[in-house]
Amino acid sequence: MLSARNQFPEKIKSVKLGSIMAEVVIEVGSVELVSVITRHSAEQLALKVGDTVMAVIKSTEVLVSKG
């Protein structure tokens, strides 16, 4: 069981594997969430476009700044 309240079962839109990291884009309604995880984790989970995954958001803050 996870203690995070923000959990969204959604589909993977794209997976880009780098040499060490992987970028996973998940569609949550009309919003895209981007997660960067290790390539090893992406391979272990066998993530691919169209897979349904649980996006779990556990954060105390989200920082965005411009200018």
PDB file of N, CA and C in Angstrom:
ATOM      1  N   MET A   1       0.841  -1.175   0.000  1.00  0.00           N
ATOM      2  CA  MET A   1       0.000   0.000   0.000  1.00  0.00           C
ATOM      3  C   MET A   1       0.886   1.238   0.000  1.00  0.00           C
ATOM      4  N   LEU A   2       0.462   2.237  -0.757  1.00  0.00           N
ATOM      5  CA  LEU A   2       1.190   3.492  -0.817  1.00  0.00           C
ATOM      6  C   LEU A   2       0.473   4.552  -0.001  1.00  0.00           C
ATOM      7  N   SER A   3       1.250   5.457   0.590  1.00  0.00           N
ATOM      8  CA  SER A   3       0.634   6.522   1.379  1.00  0.00           C
ATOM      9  C   SER A   3       0.298   7.742   0.529  1.00  0.00           C
ATOM     10  N   ALA A   4       0.762   7.774  -0.729  1.00  0.00           N
ATOM     11  CA  ALA A   4       0.497   8.930  -1.591  1.00  0.00           C
ATOM     12  C   ALA A   4      -0.977   8.971  -1.971  1.00  0.00           C
ATOM     13  N   ARG A   5      -1.573  10.130  -1.850  1.00  0.00           N
ATOM     14  CA  ARG A   5      -3.002  10.283  -2.163  1.00  0.00           C
ATOM     15  C   ARG A   5      -3.245  10.481  -3.651  1.00  0.00           C
ATOM     16  N   ASN A   6      -2.283  11.065  -4.347  1.00  0.00           N
ATOM     17  CA  ASN A   6      -2.467  11.372  -5.758  1.00  0.00           C
ATOM     18  C   ASN A   6      -1.983  10.218  -6.617  1.00  0.00           C
ATOM     19  N   GLN A   7      -2.910   9.341  -6.986  1.00  0.00           N
ATOM     20  CA  GLN A   7      -2.599   8.178  -7.805  1.00  0.00           C
ATOM     21  C   GLN A   7      -3.545   8.170  -8.997  1.00  0.00           C
ATOM     22  N   PHE A   8      -2.968   8.059 -10.186  1.00  0.00           N
ATOM     23  CA  PHE A   8      -3.754   8.113 -11.408  1.00  0.00           C
ATOM     24  C   PHE A   8      -3.434   6.921 -12.300  1.00  0.00           C
ATOM     25  N   PRO A   9      -4.396   6.021 -12.510  1.00  0.00           N
ATOM     26  CA  PRO A   9      -4.161   4.922 -13.448  1.00  0.00           C
ATOM     27  C   PRO A   9      -4.367   5.442 -14.872  1.00  0.00           C
ATOM     28  N   GLU A  10      -3.305   5.573 -15.617  1.00  0.00           N
ATOM     29  CA  GLU A  10      -3.370   6.163 -16.956  1.00  0.00           C
ATOM     30  C   GLU A  10      -2.455   5.423 -17.924  1.00  0.00           C
ATOM     31  N   LYS A  11      -2.501   5.827 -19.187  1.00  0.00           N
ATOM     32  CA  LYS A  11      -1.732   5.162 -20.233  1.00  0.00           C
ATOM     33  C   LYS A  11      -0.446   5.915 -20.572  1.00  0.00           C
ATOM     34  N   ILE A  12       0.564   5.150 -20.935  1.00  0.00           N
ATOM     35  CA  ILE A  12       1.841   5.726 -21.359  1.00  0.00           C
ATOM     36  C   ILE A  12       1.701   6.239 -22.783  1.00  0.00           C
ATOM     37  N   LYS A  13       2.108   7.490 -22.994  1.00  0.00           N
ATOM     38  CA  LYS A  13       2.077   8.103 -24.321  1.00  0.00           C
ATOM     39  C   LYS A  13       3.394   7.889 -25.052  1.00  0.00           C
ATOM     40  N   SER A  14       4.512   7.972 -24.307  1.00  0.00           N
ATOM     41  CA  SER A  14       5.811   7.746 -24.943  1.00  0.00           C
ATOM     42  C   SER A  14       6.843   7.324 -23.912  1.00  0.00           C
ATOM     43  N   VAL A  15       7.835   6.599 -24.402  1.00  0.00           N
ATOM     44  CA  VAL A  15       8.984   6.191 -23.589  1.00  0.00           C
ATOM     45  C   VAL A  15      10.226   6.456 -24.418  1.00  0.00           C
ATOM     46  N   LYS A  16      11.130   7.274 -23.895  1.00  0.00           N
ATOM     47  CA  LYS A  16      12.389   7.558 -24.579  1.00  0.00           C
ATOM     48  C   LYS A  16      13.526   7.061 -23.709  1.00  0.00           C
ATOM     49  N   LEU A  17      14.227   6.055 -24.179  1.00  0.00           N
ATOM     50  CA  LEU A  17      15.338   5.487 -23.421  1.00  0.00           C
ATOM     51  C   LEU A  17      16.635   6.198 -23.762  1.00  0.00           C
ATOM     52  N   GLY A  18      17.324   6.665 -22.735  1.00  0.00           N
ATOM     53  CA  GLY A  18      18.650   7.219 -22.901  1.00  0.00           C
ATOM     54  C   GLY A  18      19.669   6.187 -22.453  1.00  0.00           C
ATOM     55  N   SER A  19      20.915   6.569 -22.378  1.00  0.00           N
ATOM     56  CA  SER A  19      21.949   5.614 -21.969  1.00  0.00           C
ATOM     57  C   SER A  19      21.832   5.249 -20.492  1.00  0.00           C
ATOM     58  N   ILE A  20      21.371   6.191 -19.668  1.00  0.00           N
ATOM     59  CA  ILE A  20      21.248   5.935 -18.230  1.00  0.00           C
ATOM     60  C   ILE A  20      19.822   6.162 -17.730  1.00  0.00           C
ATOM     61  N   MET A  21      19.144   7.166 -18.274  1.00  0.00           N
ATOM     62  CA  MET A  21      17.806   7.531 -17.810  1.00  0.00           C
ATOM     63  C   MET A  21      16.772   7.269 -18.898  1.00  0.00           C
ATOM     64  N   ALA A  22      15.498   7.267 -18.494  1.00  0.00           N
ATOM     65  CA  ALA A  22      14.381   7.123 -19.428  1.00  0.00           C
ATOM     66  C   ALA A  22      13.343   8.186 -19.111  1.00  0.00           C
ATOM     67  N   GLU A  23      12.763   8.768 -20.152  1.00  0.00           N
ATOM     68  CA  GLU A  23      11.687   9.736 -19.991  1.00  0.00           C
ATOM     69  C   GLU A  23      10.374   9.042 -20.331  1.00  0.00           C
ATOM     70  N   VAL A  24       9.447   9.051 -19.400  1.00  0.00           N
ATOM     71  CA  VAL A  24       8.154   8.405 -19.587  1.00  0.00           C
ATOM     72  C   VAL A  24       7.075   9.483 -19.531  1.00  0.00           C
ATOM     73  N   VAL A  25       6.290   9.581 -20.606  1.00  0.00           N
ATOM     74  CA  VAL A  25       5.209  10.560 -20.665  1.00  0.00           C
ATOM     75  C   VAL A  25       3.895   9.808 -20.487  1.00  0.00           C
ATOM     76  N   ILE A  26       3.100  10.264 -19.513  1.00  0.00           N
ATOM     77  CA  ILE A  26       1.835   9.627 -19.175  1.00  0.00           C
ATOM     78  C   ILE A  26       0.720  10.644 -19.380  1.00  0.00           C
ATOM     79  N   GLU A  27      -0.333  10.243 -20.077  1.00  0.00           N
ATOM     80  CA  GLU A  27      -1.483  11.126 -20.294  1.00  0.00           C
ATOM     81  C   GLU A  27      -2.450  11.001 -19.125  1.00  0.00           C
ATOM     82  N   VAL A  28      -2.691  12.107 -18.449  1.00  0.00           N
ATOM     83  CA  VAL A  28      -3.665  12.152 -17.355  1.00  0.00           C
ATOM     84  C   VAL A  28      -4.741  13.139 -17.792  1.00  0.00           C
ATOM     85  N   GLY A  29      -5.809  12.626 -18.358  1.00  0.00           N
ATOM     86  CA  GLY A  29      -6.830  13.496 -18.932  1.00  0.00           C
ATOM     87  C   GLY A  29      -6.230  14.273 -20.081  1.00  0.00           C
ATOM     88  N   SER A  30      -6.303  15.592 -20.020  1.00  0.00           N
ATOM     89  CA  SER A  30      -5.729  16.438 -21.074  1.00  0.00           C
ATOM     90  C   SER A  30      -4.335  16.936 -20.709  1.00  0.00           C
ATOM     91  N   VAL A  31      -3.767  16.400 -19.638  1.00  0.00           N
ATOM     92  CA  VAL A  31      -2.453  16.828 -19.152  1.00  0.00           C
ATOM     93  C   VAL A  31      -1.445  15.706 -19.366  1.00  0.00           C
ATOM     94  N   GLU A  32      -0.225  16.088 -19.713  1.00  0.00           N
ATOM     95  CA  GLU A  32       0.854  15.116 -19.818  1.00  0.00           C
ATOM     96  C   GLU A  32       1.755  15.228 -18.589  1.00  0.00           C
ATOM     97  N   LEU A  33       1.983  14.110 -17.925  1.00  0.00           N
ATOM     98  CA  LEU A  33       2.955  14.055 -16.831  1.00  0.00           C
ATOM     99  C   LEU A  33       4.225  13.449 -17.392  1.00  0.00           C
ATOM    100  N   VAL A  34       5.354  14.044 -17.062  1.00  0.00           N
ATOM    101  CA  VAL A  34       6.634  13.529 -17.519  1.00  0.00           C
ATOM    102  C   VAL A  34       7.415  13.063 -16.306  1.00  0.00           C
ATOM    103  N   SER A  35       7.855  11.820 -16.368  1.00  0.00           N
ATOM    104  CA  SER A  35       8.648  11.252 -15.288  1.00  0.00           C
ATOM    105  C   SER A  35       9.986  10.802 -15.852  1.00  0.00           C
ATOM    106  N   VAL A  36      11.050  11.087 -15.132  1.00  0.00           N
ATOM    107  CA  VAL A  36      12.381  10.627 -15.527  1.00  0.00           C
ATOM    108  C   VAL A  36      12.813   9.587 -14.506  1.00  0.00           C
ATOM    109  N   ILE A  37      13.027   8.376 -15.001  1.00  0.00           N
ATOM    110  CA  ILE A  37      13.428   7.256 -14.149  1.00  0.00           C
ATOM    111  C   ILE A  37      14.679   6.626 -14.742  1.00  0.00           C
ATOM    112  N   THR A  38      15.290   5.726 -14.026  1.00  0.00           N
ATOM    113  CA  THR A  38      16.464   5.066 -14.585  1.00  0.00           C
ATOM    114  C   THR A  38      16.057   4.166 -15.742  1.00  0.00           C
ATOM    115  N   ARG A  39      16.960   4.018 -16.695  1.00  0.00           N
ATOM    116  CA  ARG A  39      16.712   3.117 -17.819  1.00  0.00           C
ATOM    117  C   ARG A  39      16.477   1.697 -17.310  1.00  0.00           C
ATOM    118  N   HIS A  40      17.266   1.314 -16.313  1.00  0.00           N
ATOM    119  CA  HIS A  40      17.129  -0.024 -15.737  1.00  0.00           C
ATOM    120  C   HIS A  40      15.705  -0.252 -15.226  1.00  0.00           C
ATOM    121  N   SER A  41      15.144   0.730 -14.524  1.00  0.00           N
ATOM    122  CA  SER A  41      13.777   0.598 -14.007  1.00  0.00           C
ATOM    123  C   SER A  41      12.767   0.482 -15.143  1.00  0.00           C
ATOM    124  N   ALA A  42      12.928   1.296 -16.177  1.00  0.00           N
ATOM    125  CA  ALA A  42      12.015   1.239 -17.321  1.00  0.00           C
ATOM    126  C   ALA A  42      12.085  -0.127 -17.996  1.00  0.00           C
ATOM    127  N   GLU A  43      13.286  -0.671 -18.102  1.00  0.00           N
ATOM    128  CA  GLU A  43      13.447  -1.989 -18.714  1.00  0.00           C
ATOM    129  C   GLU A  43      12.888  -3.092 -17.815  1.00  0.00           C
ATOM    130  N   GLN A  44      13.108  -2.998 -16.519  1.00  0.00           N
ATOM    131  CA  GLN A  44      12.581  -3.992 -15.580  1.00  0.00           C
ATOM    132  C   GLN A  44      11.058  -4.006 -15.603  1.00  0.00           C
ATOM    133  N   LEU A  45      10.441  -2.827 -15.740  1.00  0.00           N
ATOM    134  CA  LEU A  45       8.984  -2.717 -15.806  1.00  0.00           C
ATOM    135  C   LEU A  45       8.455  -3.019 -17.204  1.00  0.00           C
ATOM    136  N   ALA A  46       9.373  -3.139 -18.171  1.00  0.00           N
ATOM    137  CA  ALA A  46       9.010  -3.387 -19.579  1.00  0.00           C
ATOM    138  C   ALA A  46       7.984  -2.369 -20.066  1.00  0.00           C
ATOM    139  N   LEU A  47       8.249  -1.081 -19.775  1.00  0.00           N
ATOM    140  CA  LEU A  47       7.311  -0.023 -20.129  1.00  0.00           C
ATOM    141  C   LEU A  47       7.258   0.183 -21.634  1.00  0.00           C
ATOM    142  N   LYS A  48       6.033   0.312 -22.163  1.00  0.00           N
ATOM    143  CA  LYS A  48       5.872   0.596 -23.577  1.00  0.00           C
ATOM    144  C   LYS A  48       4.624   1.446 -23.793  1.00  0.00           C
ATOM    145  N   VAL A  49       4.575   2.107 -24.925  1.00  0.00           N
ATOM    146  CA  VAL A  49       3.434   2.957 -25.272  1.00  0.00           C
ATOM    147  C   VAL A  49       2.152   2.145 -25.194  1.00  0.00           C
ATOM    148  N   GLY A  50       1.133   2.733 -24.573  1.00  0.00           N
ATOM    149  CA  GLY A  50      -0.165   2.088 -24.451  1.00  0.00           C
ATOM    150  C   GLY A  50      -0.368   1.319 -23.158  1.00  0.00           C
ATOM    151  N   ASP A  51       0.733   1.025 -22.439  1.00  0.00           N
ATOM    152  CA  ASP A  51       0.604   0.337 -21.148  1.00  0.00           C
ATOM    153  C   ASP A  51      -0.174   1.211 -20.169  1.00  0.00           C
ATOM    154  N   THR A  52      -1.010   0.595 -19.360  1.00  0.00           N
ATOM    155  CA  THR A  52      -1.662   1.311 -18.272  1.00  0.00           C
ATOM    156  C   THR A  52      -0.773   1.185 -17.046  1.00  0.00           C
ATOM    157  N   VAL A  53      -0.425   2.327 -16.477  1.00  0.00           N
ATOM    158  CA  VAL A  53       0.440   2.372 -15.295  1.00  0.00           C
ATOM    159  C   VAL A  53      -0.212   3.269 -14.252  1.00  0.00           C
ATOM    160  N   MET A  54       0.277   3.192 -13.051  1.00  0.00           N
ATOM    161  CA  MET A  54      -0.203   4.068 -11.982  1.00  0.00           C
ATOM    162  C   MET A  54       0.799   5.204 -11.825  1.00  0.00           C
ATOM    163  N   ALA A  55       0.358   6.413 -12.109  1.00  0.00           N
ATOM    164  CA  ALA A  55       1.188   7.589 -11.861  1.00  0.00           C
ATOM    165  C   ALA A  55       0.949   7.985 -10.404  1.00  0.00           C
ATOM    166  N   VAL A  56       1.982   7.893  -9.592  1.00  0.00           N
ATOM    167  CA  VAL A  56       1.873   8.212  -8.173  1.00  0.00           C
ATOM    168  C   VAL A  56       2.666   9.491  -7.926  1.00  0.00           C
ATOM    169  N   ILE A  57       1.977  10.519  -7.431  1.00  0.00           N
ATOM    170  CA  ILE A  57       2.624  11.804  -7.188  1.00  0.00           C
ATOM    171  C   ILE A  57       2.707  12.033  -5.692  1.00  0.00           C
ATOM    172  N   LYS A  58       3.916  12.113  -5.207  1.00  0.00           N
ATOM    173  CA  LYS A  58       4.144  12.355  -3.777  1.00  0.00           C
ATOM    174  C   LYS A  58       5.205  13.446  -3.696  1.00  0.00           C
ATOM    175  N   SER A  59       4.776  14.638  -3.453  1.00  0.00           N
ATOM    176  CA  SER A  59       5.691  15.761  -3.415  1.00  0.00           C
ATOM    177  C   SER A  59       5.139  16.832  -2.487  1.00  0.00           C
ATOM    178  N   THR A  60       6.031  17.525  -1.847  1.00  0.00           N
ATOM    179  CA  THR A  60       5.592  18.615  -0.977  1.00  0.00           C
ATOM    180  C   THR A  60       5.446  19.910  -1.751  1.00  0.00           C
ATOM    181  N   GLU A  61       6.060  19.991  -2.951  1.00  0.00           N
ATOM    182  CA  GLU A  61       5.944  21.204  -3.731  1.00  0.00           C
ATOM    183  C   GLU A  61       6.299  20.950  -5.187  1.00  0.00           C
ATOM    184  N   VAL A  62       5.786  21.816  -6.038  1.00  0.00           N
ATOM    185  CA  VAL A  62       6.137  21.823  -7.458  1.00  0.00           C
ATOM    186  C   VAL A  62       6.598  23.237  -7.770  1.00  0.00           C
ATOM    187  N   LEU A  63       7.829  23.372  -8.229  1.00  0.00           N
ATOM    188  CA  LEU A  63       8.376  24.698  -8.491  1.00  0.00           C
ATOM    189  C   LEU A  63       8.453  24.936  -9.990  1.00  0.00           C
ATOM    190  N   VAL A  64       7.932  26.073 -10.428  1.00  0.00           N
ATOM    191  CA  VAL A  64       8.029  26.517 -11.810  1.00  0.00           C
ATOM    192  C   VAL A  64       8.325  28.002 -11.763  1.00  0.00           C
ATOM    193  N   SER A  65       9.327  28.435 -12.515  1.00  0.00           N
ATOM    194  CA  SER A  65       9.677  29.848 -12.500  1.00  0.00           C
ATOM    195  C   SER A  65       9.977  30.303 -13.928  1.00  0.00           C
ATOM    196  N   LYS A  66       9.618  31.522 -14.219  1.00  0.00           N
ATOM    197  CA  LYS A  66       9.928  32.111 -15.514  1.00  0.00           C
ATOM    198  C   LYS A  66      10.276  33.572 -15.281  1.00  0.00           C
ATOM    199  N   GLY A  67      11.453  33.948 -15.760  1.00  0.00           N
ATOM    200  CA  GLY A  67      11.855  35.339 -15.679  1.00  0.00           C
ATOM    201  C   GLY A  67      12.353  35.812 -14.371  1.00  0.00           C
TER     202      GLY A  67
END
